[in-house]
Amino acid sequence: MTIIGIDLGTTFSAVGIVRDGNPVILPVGSDSIMPSVVATAPDGRWLIGQPALNQWTLYPESTIRSIKRKMGTPETVLLNGQLYTPPQISALILQALKASSEVHLGEPVTQAVITVPAYFSDAQRQATRDAGAIAGLDVVRILNEPTAAALAYGLVDTRDQVALVYDLGGGTFDVSLVEFSAGVVDVKASHGNTQLGGDDFDERLARWLAEQFEAQHGVDLRGDVRILARLRRAAEQAKIALSAEPFVQVREEYLMQKQGIPLHLDVEISRPQFIMLIADLLESTKVSMEHVLKDSQITQPDQVLLVGGSTYIPAVWDLVAEFTGITPRQDVNPSEAVALGAGIQAAIIAGAPIDAILVDVTPFSLGIAVAEFSMGWQVFDGRFKPLIHRNTTIPTTRREVFTTLSPTQNKAEIEVYQGESPIAANNTLLGKFMFENMVAETRGGIPRVTVEFDMDVNGMLTVNVIDRGSGKSDAIRVKATQQRLSQADIQSAQLELPDEFSSAAVDLPPEMVREAEALLVRAEFVVKQTPDEALDAVIQVALESLDLGDEDGLRAALDELTDLLYDLEDAGDADE
């Protein structure tokens, strides 16, 4: 049975496997990647992937994008009148990828390697594992994204070398320093930002477009979620176009009415203007590159690997080349590298004869809160004592012995944190538990406990505390203080997954989607002024064809819609 590798991305997801000794991407629909979008259609149908993205600008209130940024948090989203957690929404994306993989492989898929940003916290990793469980997948490995990408590059380049992996995707950013040697992929250091990516670039550009519209028409667009979705979509497409063109004309018709007159956006933006809008975000990535070079004690890598869709932006290439003094490589498709690496790791776990060994690291320091004595026996409480330092190779186990503050103390609260601050409260609290009935090893002595941190290959932590006096122990899998699904929640969520959904529809040409959106928005203006049953019926047919990816049906509906709009608008002009 095949184990698949999944790149569960913020904006796009993909599945990789190894076939005949070569890593390949399993297609989803007619493309190699699937939008990480979940939605419900006006008739209640569930849409996942491209069909969901097709309806985003028309029904943003019933479309969920970039759910990955909420993983590991207690936030929920509303769809179809029901609240869903981020793992539940992610599970729908995974379910669609699983179903598509089963079609292409011709066999059931029950196991997967799923990638996460290297800088994902324990809570976010747990949430990703929960999402896999809800989708009916046994997650055999949680793999860091830049590590996966390095693994993909490692198969096509067998030289011993040190590489800087710069991974800038739709919603997250990571840098890793990786050493390739004799088939071993050894991650030396990682750093990043889980809230930085192409989404932020789109937001900056969309805000600029709104400002241009307000300057032209004196109308602020930013209070309308549908208009904002159209601006974000227009910004994303302009960003992509600016990777190849020096100027882009952004045109969006019928954005708003003013005194009954439709208002349009028509503005030109140059590549230098766009880069100025995001310059500070790009500059911030230098900090992570500096961190990994310092932590790894390697001043000059042999090469630089660019990973993630946002690295197509020419300014990113220029920034990395200038910072490192090395010409970056993109010979493995940046949008597919992570999924390919996940597929390789999945094949290794399944026992495929692949000459590669992966050695990963933990991106954060992990430890407990302690009280420390200074000179004069003054107690400083709430200090952070790391047991596992950041960029330690995993899996790993670390143990340290701690004493109570007084001989009579027989219990202690163990607080587990991740972070780099010497003050525990300034770091992220992963969990806490009370350890009781402690006794001293010798008469009149002070109770002592051994605290053991065990981090597995998935970057997940188990804490074991042993009372040296009584031999009593207590081991827990650290559960983050943020909301996390219990086993009962997972089983309940599995029952709540829709029995049917549309996900593998044929991708529609982008220009057709834009034409459909423009006509449908235009039709809404007309219907509000002149209700027409025939127009309503054609609108519904166009919407259904858009959701299903039915190109022929949509073309026929758009042609009919164009004729009806011409007749109705012409009649309206004659009445005036």
Protein backbone atom coordinates (compact mmCIF):
# COMPACT_ATOMS: atom_id res chain seq x y z
CA MET A 1 0.00 0.00 0.00
CA THR A 2 1.35 3.42 -1.01
CA ILE A 3 2.14 6.07 1.60
CA ILE A 4 1.60 9.50 0.07
CA GLY A 5 3.42 12.73 0.86
CA ILE A 6 1.25 15.83 1.28
CA ASP A 7 2.28 19.46 1.14
CA LEU A 8 -0.63 21.01 3.06
CA GLY A 9 0.01 24.57 1.95
CA THR A 10 -1.58 27.86 2.95
CA THR A 11 -2.77 28.69 -0.55
CA PHE A 12 -2.10 25.49 -2.53
CA SER A 13 -1.63 21.83 -1.61
CA ALA A 14 -0.11 18.91 -3.50
CA VAL A 15 0.57 15.18 -3.25
CA GLY A 16 3.88 13.50 -4.02
CA ILE A 17 4.92 9.85 -4.35
CA VAL A 18 7.90 7.92 -5.68
CA ARG A 19 7.10 5.97 -8.84
CA ASP A 20 9.69 3.74 -10.55
CA GLY A 21 12.38 5.32 -8.38
CA ASN A 22 11.46 8.92 -9.31
CA PRO A 23 9.53 11.46 -7.23
CA VAL A 24 6.38 12.62 -9.03
CA ILE A 25 3.36 14.79 -8.29
CA LEU A 26 -0.06 13.14 -8.40
CA PRO A 27 -2.41 15.43 -10.35
CA VAL A 28 -5.51 16.88 -8.70
CA GLY A 29 -8.09 17.48 -11.37
CA SER A 30 -6.17 18.79 -14.38
CA ASP A 31 -3.40 20.46 -12.38
CA SER A 32 -0.48 19.40 -10.19
CA ILE A 33 -1.56 21.52 -7.22
CA MET A 34 -4.94 22.20 -5.61
CA PRO A 35 -6.07 25.49 -4.05
CA SER A 36 -6.34 25.12 -0.26
CA VAL A 37 -9.85 26.54 -0.31
CA VAL A 38 -13.11 25.21 1.16
CA ALA A 39 -16.54 26.63 0.44
CA THR A 40 -20.24 25.93 0.32
CA ALA A 41 -22.27 26.80 -2.78
CA PRO A 42 -25.57 28.73 -2.51
CA ASP A 43 -27.45 25.40 -2.80
CA GLY A 44 -25.52 23.93 0.16
CA ARG A 45 -23.07 21.76 -1.84
CA TRP A 46 -19.53 21.50 -0.47
CA LEU A 47 -16.77 22.74 -2.73
CA ILE A 48 -13.06 22.05 -2.20
CA GLY A 49 -10.08 23.23 -4.20
CA GLN A 50 -10.59 24.86 -7.59
CA PRO A 51 -14.43 24.87 -7.49
CA ALA A 52 -14.24 26.67 -4.13
CA LEU A 53 -11.73 29.18 -5.45
CA ASN A 54 -13.93 29.81 -8.51
CA GLN A 55 -16.72 31.14 -6.30
CA TRP A 56 -14.54 33.05 -3.82
CA THR A 57 -15.10 36.58 -5.16
CA LEU A 58 -18.84 35.98 -5.60
CA TYR A 59 -19.45 34.42 -2.16
CA PRO A 60 -16.50 35.32 0.10
CA GLU A 61 -18.67 34.94 3.20
CA SER A 62 -19.06 31.20 2.48
CA THR A 63 -15.47 30.58 1.30
CA ILE A 64 -12.53 29.77 3.59
CA ARG A 65 -8.97 30.48 2.45
CA SER A 66 -5.58 30.30 4.20
CA ILE A 67 -6.91 28.22 7.11
CA LYS A 68 -3.36 27.04 7.77
CA ARG A 69 -2.62 30.36 9.46
CA LYS A 70 -5.20 29.54 12.14
CA MET A 71 -3.88 26.04 12.90
CA GLY A 72 -3.08 25.56 16.57
CA THR A 73 -5.35 28.43 17.67
CA PRO A 74 -8.82 28.34 19.28
CA GLU A 75 -10.32 30.31 16.40
CA THR A 76 -13.27 28.87 14.49
CA VAL A 77 -14.86 29.68 11.12
CA LEU A 78 -18.51 29.70 10.11
CA LEU A 79 -19.65 27.67 7.10
CA ASN A 80 -23.12 26.51 6.21
CA GLY A 81 -24.43 27.81 9.53
CA GLN A 82 -21.98 25.71 11.57
CA LEU A 83 -18.73 26.51 13.35
CA TYR A 84 -15.63 24.54 12.32
CA THR A 85 -12.15 24.39 13.82
CA PRO A 86 -9.04 24.86 11.64
CA PRO A 87 -8.22 21.10 11.81
CA GLN A 88 -11.72 20.29 10.55
CA ILE A 89 -11.39 22.63 7.55
CA SER A 90 -7.88 21.33 6.84
CA ALA A 91 -9.28 17.80 7.04
CA LEU A 92 -11.64 18.61 4.15
CA ILE A 93 -8.65 19.65 2.03
CA LEU A 94 -6.80 16.47 3.03
CA GLN A 95 -9.90 14.40 2.31
CA ALA A 96 -10.04 15.80 -1.24
CA LEU A 97 -6.33 15.07 -1.77
CA LYS A 98 -6.80 11.57 -0.38
CA ALA A 99 -9.76 10.88 -2.69
CA SER A 100 -7.91 12.18 -5.75
CA SER A 101 -4.85 10.08 -4.88
CA GLU A 102 -6.98 6.95 -4.56
CA VAL A 103 -8.36 7.55 -8.05
CA HIS A 104 -4.90 7.88 -9.59
CA LEU A 105 -3.31 5.04 -7.61
CA GLY A 106 -6.24 2.68 -7.95
CA GLU A 107 -6.01 1.65 -4.29
CA PRO A 108 -7.10 2.93 -0.86
CA VAL A 109 -4.84 5.50 0.79
CA THR A 110 -4.65 5.34 4.58
CA GLN A 111 -1.18 6.68 5.46
CA ALA A 112 0.56 9.96 4.73
CA VAL A 113 3.55 12.14 5.49
CA ILE A 114 2.34 15.73 5.94
CA THR A 115 4.63 18.74 5.82
CA VAL A 116 4.53 21.80 8.08
CA PRO A 117 6.63 24.97 8.27
CA ALA A 118 9.85 24.38 10.21
CA TYR A 119 8.80 27.13 12.61
CA PHE A 120 5.43 25.55 13.41
CA SER A 121 4.84 25.23 17.15
CA ASP A 122 3.87 22.05 18.97
CA ALA A 123 0.23 23.22 18.94
CA GLN A 124 0.29 23.71 15.17
CA ARG A 125 1.90 20.32 14.59
CA GLN A 126 -0.69 18.63 16.80
CA ALA A 127 -3.48 20.40 14.92
CA THR A 128 -2.05 19.16 11.61
CA ARG A 129 -1.95 15.60 12.94
CA ASP A 130 -5.57 16.00 14.12
CA ALA A 131 -6.59 17.17 10.64
CA GLY A 132 -5.05 14.05 9.13
CA ALA A 133 -6.88 11.82 11.60
CA ILE A 134 -10.22 13.49 10.82
CA ALA A 135 -9.58 12.92 7.11
CA GLY A 136 -9.01 9.21 7.77
CA LEU A 137 -5.24 9.33 7.42
CA ASP A 138 -2.64 7.78 9.69
CA VAL A 139 -0.01 10.54 9.74
CA VAL A 140 3.21 8.51 9.89
CA ARG A 141 5.45 11.58 9.89
CA ILE A 142 5.23 15.33 10.32
CA LEU A 143 8.00 16.74 8.13
CA ASN A 144 9.40 20.28 8.01
CA GLU A 145 8.77 21.94 4.64
CA PRO A 146 12.30 23.21 3.90
CA THR A 147 13.62 19.81 4.96
CA ALA A 148 11.28 18.14 2.48
CA ALA A 149 12.43 20.51 -0.26
CA ALA A 150 16.06 19.77 0.55
CA LEU A 151 15.29 16.07 0.28
CA ALA A 152 13.83 16.64 -3.20
CA TYR A 153 16.96 18.50 -4.28
CA GLY A 154 19.15 15.84 -2.65
CA LEU A 155 18.00 13.17 -5.06
CA VAL A 156 18.90 15.17 -8.13
CA ASP A 157 22.28 16.39 -6.86
CA THR A 158 24.54 13.89 -5.10
CA ARG A 159 27.53 16.16 -4.37
CA ASP A 160 28.55 16.76 -0.75
CA GLN A 161 27.60 20.33 -0.01
CA VAL A 162 25.88 22.79 2.32
CA ALA A 163 22.72 24.52 1.09
CA LEU A 164 20.56 27.36 2.35
CA VAL A 165 16.90 26.51 1.71
CA TYR A 166 14.82 29.71 1.39
CA ASP A 167 11.12 28.72 1.51
CA LEU A 168 8.64 31.55 0.92
CA GLY A 169 5.12 30.29 0.27
CA GLY A 170 1.63 31.70 0.31
CA GLY A 171 1.38 32.13 4.06
CA THR A 172 4.57 31.02 5.78
CA PHE A 173 8.31 31.57 5.53
CA ASP A 174 11.25 29.38 6.58
CA VAL A 175 14.99 29.25 6.10
CA SER A 176 17.03 26.12 6.81
CA LEU A 177 20.75 25.40 6.57
CA VAL A 178 21.12 21.85 5.25
CA GLU A 179 24.17 19.65 4.76
CA PHE A 180 24.17 16.94 2.07
CA SER A 181 26.79 14.23 2.63
CA ALA A 182 26.93 10.62 1.42
CA GLY A 183 23.16 10.32 1.08
CA VAL A 184 22.49 12.00 4.44
CA VAL A 185 20.34 15.15 4.48
CA ASP A 186 21.34 16.84 7.75
CA VAL A 187 19.45 19.98 8.82
CA LYS A 188 21.80 22.18 10.85
CA ALA A 189 19.51 25.12 11.69
CA SER A 190 16.07 26.57 10.93
CA HIS A 191 14.33 29.90 11.44
CA GLY A 192 11.25 31.57 10.06
CA ASN A 193 7.90 33.33 10.38
CA THR A 194 4.60 31.45 10.20
CA GLN A 195 2.71 34.68 9.40
CA LEU A 196 4.63 35.87 6.34
CA GLY A 197 4.01 34.97 2.72
CA GLY A 198 2.30 35.74 -0.55
CA ASP A 199 -0.99 36.47 1.23
CA ASP A 200 0.66 39.47 2.87
CA PHE A 201 1.98 40.71 -0.48
CA ASP A 202 -1.54 40.42 -1.93
CA GLU A 203 -2.97 42.34 1.02
CA ARG A 204 -0.51 45.20 0.56
CA LEU A 205 -1.32 45.46 -3.15
CA ALA A 206 -5.10 45.17 -2.58
CA ARG A 207 -4.90 48.00 -0.04
CA TRP A 208 -3.07 50.12 -2.63
CA LEU A 209 -5.73 49.36 -5.24
CA ALA A 210 -8.45 50.43 -2.81
CA GLU A 211 -6.60 53.69 -2.17
CA GLN A 212 -6.35 54.34 -5.92
CA PHE A 213 -10.08 53.72 -6.35
CA GLU A 214 -10.89 56.07 -3.47
CA ALA A 215 -8.64 58.75 -4.96
CA GLN A 216 -10.44 58.42 -8.32
CA HIS A 217 -14.05 58.14 -7.13
CA GLY A 218 -14.11 59.35 -3.53
CA VAL A 219 -15.51 56.02 -2.33
CA ASP A 220 -13.94 53.73 0.29
CA LEU A 221 -14.29 50.09 -0.80
CA ARG A 222 -12.87 48.46 2.32
CA GLY A 223 -16.18 47.88 4.13
CA ASP A 224 -17.54 45.38 1.60
CA VAL A 225 -16.23 41.80 1.90
CA ARG A 226 -17.15 40.90 -1.67
CA ILE A 227 -15.35 43.90 -3.11
CA LEU A 228 -12.35 43.16 -0.89
CA ALA A 229 -12.27 39.61 -2.23
CA ARG A 230 -12.27 40.93 -5.78
CA LEU A 231 -9.44 43.32 -4.94
CA ARG A 232 -7.44 40.51 -3.32
CA ARG A 233 -7.98 38.32 -6.38
CA ALA A 234 -6.98 41.17 -8.69
CA ALA A 235 -3.92 41.87 -6.54
CA GLU A 236 -2.85 38.22 -6.62
CA GLN A 237 -3.13 38.06 -10.39
CA ALA A 238 -1.27 41.36 -10.78
CA LYS A 239 1.49 40.08 -8.49
CA ILE A 240 1.89 36.96 -10.61
CA ALA A 241 1.89 38.98 -13.84
CA LEU A 242 4.52 41.38 -12.47
CA SER A 243 6.95 38.48 -12.14
CA ALA A 244 7.14 38.48 -15.93
CA GLU A 245 6.00 41.97 -16.96
CA PRO A 246 7.30 45.42 -15.98
CA PHE A 247 3.78 46.93 -15.89
CA VAL A 248 0.30 45.50 -15.33
CA GLN A 249 -3.08 47.14 -15.95
CA VAL A 250 -5.59 46.20 -13.25
CA ARG A 251 -9.20 46.45 -14.42
CA GLU A 252 -12.22 45.54 -12.31
CA GLU A 253 -15.64 46.55 -13.61
CA TYR A 254 -18.77 47.30 -11.60
CA LEU A 255 -17.05 47.44 -8.22
CA MET A 256 -19.64 49.80 -6.72
CA GLN A 257 -22.46 52.20 -7.51
CA LYS A 258 -22.48 55.89 -6.75
CA GLN A 259 -25.80 57.67 -7.26
CA GLY A 260 -26.90 54.79 -9.50
CA ILE A 261 -23.80 54.98 -11.69
CA PRO A 262 -21.48 51.91 -11.76
CA LEU A 263 -17.87 52.63 -10.83
CA HIS A 264 -14.89 50.75 -12.24
CA LEU A 265 -11.25 50.32 -11.23
CA ASP A 266 -8.69 50.88 -13.98
CA VAL A 267 -5.15 51.50 -12.79
CA GLU A 268 -1.62 50.64 -13.86
CA ILE A 269 1.06 49.43 -11.46
CA SER A 270 4.74 48.89 -12.20
CA ARG A 271 7.02 46.24 -10.77
CA PRO A 272 9.09 48.83 -8.83
CA GLN A 273 5.87 50.22 -7.27
CA PHE A 274 4.84 46.74 -6.15
CA ILE A 275 8.27 45.99 -4.69
CA MET A 276 8.14 49.24 -2.70
CA LEU A 277 4.82 48.11 -1.20
CA ILE A 278 6.36 44.89 0.13
CA ALA A 279 9.98 45.97 0.65
CA ASP A 280 9.87 45.79 4.46
CA LEU A 281 8.38 42.28 4.36
CA LEU A 282 11.11 41.06 2.04
CA GLU A 283 13.81 42.74 4.13
CA SER A 284 12.54 40.94 7.24
CA THR A 285 13.50 37.60 5.70
CA LYS A 286 17.16 38.57 6.00
CA VAL A 287 16.84 38.21 9.78
CA SER A 288 16.04 34.51 9.42
CA MET A 289 18.95 33.99 7.03
CA GLU A 290 21.27 35.67 9.53
CA HIS A 291 19.92 33.46 12.33
CA VAL A 292 20.52 30.15 10.57
CA LEU A 293 24.01 31.11 9.45
CA LYS A 294 24.88 32.14 13.01
CA ASP A 295 23.27 29.08 14.66
CA SER A 296 24.89 26.64 12.23
CA GLN A 297 28.26 28.42 12.48
CA ILE A 298 28.50 28.24 8.70
CA THR A 299 29.32 31.57 7.13
CA GLN A 300 29.01 30.61 3.48
CA PRO A 301 26.80 27.86 2.04
CA ASP A 302 27.71 26.20 -1.23
CA GLN A 303 24.35 26.90 -2.82
CA VAL A 304 20.93 28.42 -2.22
CA LEU A 305 17.65 26.61 -3.01
CA LEU A 306 14.50 28.65 -3.60
CA VAL A 307 11.24 26.97 -2.58
CA GLY A 308 7.62 28.17 -2.51
CA GLY A 309 5.46 30.02 -5.03
CA SER A 310 6.42 33.49 -3.76
CA THR A 311 10.04 32.93 -4.79
CA TYR A 312 8.95 33.49 -8.40
CA ILE A 313 8.95 37.22 -7.56
CA PRO A 314 12.14 38.57 -9.18
CA ALA A 315 12.86 40.81 -6.16
CA VAL A 316 13.07 37.73 -3.93
CA TRP A 317 15.68 36.18 -6.21
CA ASP A 318 17.62 39.47 -6.20
CA LEU A 319 17.45 39.84 -2.41
CA VAL A 320 18.68 36.30 -1.72
CA ALA A 321 21.41 36.51 -4.36
CA GLU A 322 22.67 39.81 -2.96
CA PHE A 323 22.57 38.60 0.66
CA THR A 324 24.36 35.31 0.05
CA GLY A 325 26.54 36.22 -2.93
CA ILE A 326 25.31 32.99 -4.57
CA THR A 327 23.11 32.49 -7.63
CA PRO A 328 19.96 30.79 -6.25
CA ARG A 329 18.69 27.55 -7.77
CA GLN A 330 15.12 26.85 -8.90
CA ASP A 331 15.68 23.72 -11.00
CA VAL A 332 13.15 21.81 -8.87
CA ASN A 333 9.73 23.45 -9.35
CA PRO A 334 9.38 25.74 -6.27
CA SER A 335 5.64 25.03 -6.08
CA GLU A 336 6.18 21.25 -6.09
CA ALA A 337 9.48 20.76 -4.24
CA VAL A 338 7.91 20.30 -0.79
CA ALA A 339 5.38 17.72 -2.00
CA LEU A 340 8.10 15.86 -3.91
CA GLY A 341 10.24 15.72 -0.75
CA ALA A 342 7.26 14.54 1.29
CA GLY A 343 6.71 11.79 -1.28
CA ILE A 344 10.35 10.74 -0.98
CA GLN A 345 10.15 10.58 2.81
CA ALA A 346 6.91 8.59 2.51
CA ALA A 347 8.66 6.11 0.19
CA ILE A 348 11.59 5.77 2.61
CA ILE A 349 9.18 5.00 5.46
CA ALA A 350 7.41 2.47 3.24
CA GLY A 351 10.74 0.69 2.67
CA ALA A 352 11.55 1.82 -0.86
CA PRO A 353 15.24 1.43 -1.81
CA ILE A 354 16.15 5.13 -1.66
CA ASP A 355 19.65 6.12 -0.61
CA ALA A 356 18.77 9.08 1.57
CA ILE A 357 18.73 9.53 5.33
CA LEU A 358 16.99 12.55 6.82
CA VAL A 359 18.31 14.25 9.94
CA ASP A 360 16.08 17.11 11.12
CA VAL A 361 16.24 19.66 13.93
CA THR A 362 13.86 21.35 16.36
CA PRO A 363 13.38 25.06 15.52
CA PHE A 364 12.69 26.16 19.13
CA SER A 365 14.33 25.71 22.52
CA LEU A 366 12.14 23.67 24.89
CA GLY A 367 12.30 23.73 28.67
CA ILE A 368 10.51 24.41 31.94
CA ALA A 369 9.95 27.34 34.29
CA VAL A 370 12.22 27.23 37.35
CA ALA A 371 13.17 29.34 40.37
CA GLU A 372 16.85 30.26 40.63
CA PHE A 373 18.93 31.43 43.60
CA SER A 374 21.30 34.32 43.18
CA MET A 375 24.07 35.41 45.52
CA GLY A 376 22.57 36.20 48.91
CA TRP A 377 19.96 33.45 48.39
CA GLN A 378 17.52 35.75 46.67
CA VAL A 379 15.01 33.72 44.65
CA PHE A 380 14.21 34.66 41.06
CA ASP A 381 11.05 32.86 40.01
CA GLY A 382 9.80 32.20 36.46
CA ARG A 383 13.15 31.68 34.79
CA PHE A 384 13.29 29.58 31.61
CA LYS A 385 15.54 26.51 31.76
CA PRO A 386 16.01 24.92 28.32
CA LEU A 387 16.41 21.14 28.19
CA ILE A 388 16.44 20.93 24.39
CA HIS A 389 18.11 23.87 22.68
CA ARG A 390 16.92 25.11 19.30
CA ASN A 391 18.44 23.43 16.24
CA THR A 392 19.11 20.21 18.19
CA THR A 393 18.98 17.16 15.94
CA ILE A 394 15.82 15.10 16.41
CA PRO A 395 14.75 12.62 17.59
CA THR A 396 16.41 13.43 20.90
CA THR A 397 16.06 12.86 24.64
CA ARG A 398 17.38 15.21 27.32
CA ARG A 399 17.26 14.79 31.12
CA GLU A 400 18.02 17.12 34.02
CA VAL A 401 17.58 16.87 37.80
CA PHE A 402 15.76 19.60 39.73
CA THR A 403 15.17 20.13 43.44
CA THR A 404 12.32 21.66 45.38
CA LEU A 405 12.76 25.02 47.12
CA SER A 406 12.35 23.51 50.58
CA PRO A 407 12.61 20.06 52.26
CA THR A 408 8.87 20.11 53.10
CA GLN A 409 7.68 20.76 49.56
CA ASN A 410 5.95 17.62 48.25
CA LYS A 411 4.47 18.83 44.96
CA ALA A 412 5.44 21.04 42.03
CA GLU A 413 3.72 22.37 38.94
CA ILE A 414 5.69 21.55 35.80
CA GLU A 415 5.25 24.29 33.18
CA VAL A 416 6.61 23.48 29.71
CA TYR A 417 7.59 26.32 27.38
CA GLN A 418 9.11 26.82 23.94
CA GLY A 419 11.07 29.91 22.97
CA GLU A 420 14.36 31.72 23.46
CA SER A 421 13.67 34.28 26.20
CA PRO A 422 15.30 33.71 29.62
CA ILE A 423 11.95 34.73 31.16
CA ALA A 424 9.53 31.80 30.92
CA ALA A 425 6.41 33.96 30.61
CA ASN A 426 7.83 35.62 27.48
CA ASN A 427 7.88 32.25 25.71
CA THR A 428 5.00 30.05 24.50
CA LEU A 429 3.38 27.89 27.17
CA LEU A 430 2.88 24.42 25.72
CA GLY A 431 1.28 22.84 28.76
CA LYS A 432 1.48 22.25 32.49
CA PHE A 433 0.65 19.57 35.03
CA MET A 434 0.93 19.03 38.79
CA PHE A 435 3.43 16.44 40.06
CA GLU A 436 2.51 15.39 43.63
CA ASN A 437 3.57 13.15 46.54
CA MET A 438 7.28 13.87 46.20
CA VAL A 439 9.65 12.57 48.90
CA ALA A 440 13.34 13.10 49.69
CA GLU A 441 15.86 10.41 48.81
CA THR A 442 17.48 10.64 52.26
CA ARG A 443 16.23 11.61 55.70
CA GLY A 444 16.25 15.38 56.03
CA GLY A 445 17.12 15.83 52.37
CA ILE A 446 15.42 17.89 49.68
CA PRO A 447 13.13 16.14 47.17
CA ARG A 448 14.62 15.84 43.70
CA VAL A 449 13.01 14.97 40.36
CA THR A 450 14.40 14.00 36.98
CA VAL A 451 12.67 15.82 34.14
CA GLU A 452 13.01 14.11 30.77
CA PHE A 453 12.15 15.73 27.44
CA ASP A 454 11.70 13.28 24.57
CA MET A 455 11.16 14.79 21.12
CA ASP A 456 10.26 12.41 18.30
CA VAL A 457 10.97 12.69 14.56
CA ASN A 458 7.71 14.62 14.10
CA GLY A 459 8.92 17.39 16.41
CA MET A 460 6.36 16.40 19.07
CA LEU A 461 7.32 16.44 22.72
CA THR A 462 6.70 14.00 25.58
CA VAL A 463 7.65 15.06 29.12
CA ASN A 464 8.44 12.43 31.76
CA VAL A 465 8.98 13.36 35.43
CA ILE A 466 10.49 10.85 37.89
CA ASP A 467 10.61 11.37 41.67
CA ARG A 468 14.06 10.14 42.69
CA GLY A 469 12.90 9.46 46.26
CA SER A 470 9.88 7.25 45.58
CA GLY A 471 10.47 6.21 41.98
CA LYS A 472 7.02 7.56 41.07
CA SER A 473 6.78 8.84 37.49
CA ASP A 474 4.32 10.67 35.33
CA ALA A 475 4.63 11.02 31.55
CA ILE A 476 2.48 13.22 29.33
CA ARG A 477 2.35 14.08 25.68
CA VAL A 478 2.50 17.84 25.87
CA LYS A 479 -0.81 19.35 24.86
CA ALA A 480 -0.75 23.02 24.01
CA THR A 481 -2.89 25.36 26.04
CA GLN A 482 -4.67 26.39 22.84
CA GLN A 483 -7.72 24.42 21.79
CA ARG A 484 -6.90 20.91 20.57
CA LEU A 485 -9.21 18.14 19.45
CA SER A 486 -9.61 15.12 21.71
CA GLN A 487 -10.01 11.61 20.29
CA ALA A 488 -13.75 11.94 20.82
CA ASP A 489 -13.69 15.26 18.95
CA ILE A 490 -11.83 13.62 16.08
CA GLN A 491 -14.36 10.81 15.83
CA SER A 492 -17.23 13.30 15.99
CA ALA A 493 -15.59 15.49 13.33
CA GLN A 494 -15.20 12.48 11.04
CA LEU A 495 -18.96 11.96 11.18
CA GLU A 496 -19.50 15.64 10.31
CA LEU A 497 -17.48 15.48 7.09
CA PRO A 498 -19.71 15.86 4.03
CA ASP A 499 -20.54 12.63 2.21
CA GLU A 500 -20.17 14.36 -1.14
CA PHE A 501 -18.16 17.32 -2.32
CA SER A 502 -16.93 18.78 -5.58
CA SER A 503 -13.15 19.03 -5.78
CA ALA A 504 -11.69 17.44 -8.90
CA ALA A 505 -13.48 19.63 -11.41
CA VAL A 506 -11.70 20.56 -14.60
CA ASP A 507 -9.88 23.87 -14.06
CA LEU A 508 -11.50 26.68 -15.96
CA PRO A 509 -9.35 29.12 -17.98
CA PRO A 510 -8.57 32.12 -15.73
CA GLU A 511 -9.85 34.56 -18.36
CA MET A 512 -13.19 32.72 -18.44
CA VAL A 513 -13.50 32.91 -14.65
CA ARG A 514 -12.81 36.64 -14.75
CA GLU A 515 -15.34 37.11 -17.55
CA ALA A 516 -17.93 35.17 -15.56
CA GLU A 517 -17.31 37.22 -12.43
CA ALA A 518 -17.57 40.51 -14.32
CA LEU A 519 -20.82 39.48 -16.05
CA LEU A 520 -22.36 38.13 -12.84
CA VAL A 521 -21.53 41.31 -10.92
CA ARG A 522 -22.91 43.37 -13.80
CA ALA A 523 -26.05 41.22 -13.78
CA GLU A 524 -26.54 41.93 -10.08
CA PHE A 525 -26.60 45.66 -10.80
CA VAL A 526 -29.24 45.14 -13.48
CA VAL A 527 -31.40 42.75 -11.40
CA LYS A 528 -31.50 45.22 -8.49
CA GLN A 529 -32.88 47.90 -10.82
CA THR A 530 -34.97 45.67 -13.09
CA PRO A 531 -35.98 42.27 -11.61
CA ASP A 532 -36.14 39.67 -14.36
CA GLU A 533 -36.93 35.94 -13.94
CA ALA A 534 -35.11 34.92 -17.13
CA LEU A 535 -31.97 36.75 -16.01
CA ASP A 536 -32.18 35.13 -12.56
CA ALA A 537 -32.40 31.68 -14.15
CA VAL A 538 -29.36 32.23 -16.37
CA ILE A 539 -27.38 33.59 -13.40
CA GLN A 540 -28.06 30.36 -11.50
CA VAL A 541 -26.97 28.22 -14.46
CA ALA A 542 -23.76 30.25 -14.78
CA LEU A 543 -23.04 29.89 -11.06
CA GLU A 544 -23.58 26.14 -11.13
CA SER A 545 -21.35 25.75 -14.20
CA LEU A 546 -18.69 27.85 -12.49
CA ASP A 547 -18.78 25.66 -9.37
CA LEU A 548 -18.62 22.42 -11.38
CA GLY A 549 -15.89 23.63 -13.72
CA ASP A 550 -18.18 22.95 -16.69
CA GLU A 551 -16.47 24.99 -19.42
CA ASP A 552 -19.03 24.28 -22.16
CA GLY A 553 -21.98 24.93 -19.86
CA LEU A 554 -20.42 28.13 -18.56
CA ARG A 555 -19.66 29.42 -22.05
CA ALA A 556 -23.27 28.87 -23.14
CA ALA A 557 -24.58 30.56 -19.98
CA LEU A 558 -22.24 33.53 -20.40
CA ASP A 559 -23.28 34.01 -24.03
CA GLU A 560 -26.94 33.98 -23.00
CA LEU A 561 -26.21 36.26 -20.08
CA THR A 562 -24.46 38.75 -22.38
CA ASP A 563 -27.47 38.84 -24.71
CA LEU A 564 -29.96 39.32 -21.88
CA LEU A 565 -27.90 42.06 -20.26
CA TYR A 566 -27.58 43.87 -23.60
CA ASP A 567 -31.37 43.76 -24.13
CA LEU A 568 -32.23 44.81 -20.56
CA GLU A 569 -29.65 47.60 -20.41
CA ASP A 570 -30.66 48.82 -23.86
CA ALA A 571 -34.31 48.87 -22.78
CA GLY A 572 -33.34 50.78 -19.65
CA ASP A 573 -31.48 53.39 -21.69
CA ALA A 574 -34.50 53.77 -24.01
CA ASP A 575 -36.82 54.37 -21.03
CA GLU A 576 -34.57 57.18 -19.84
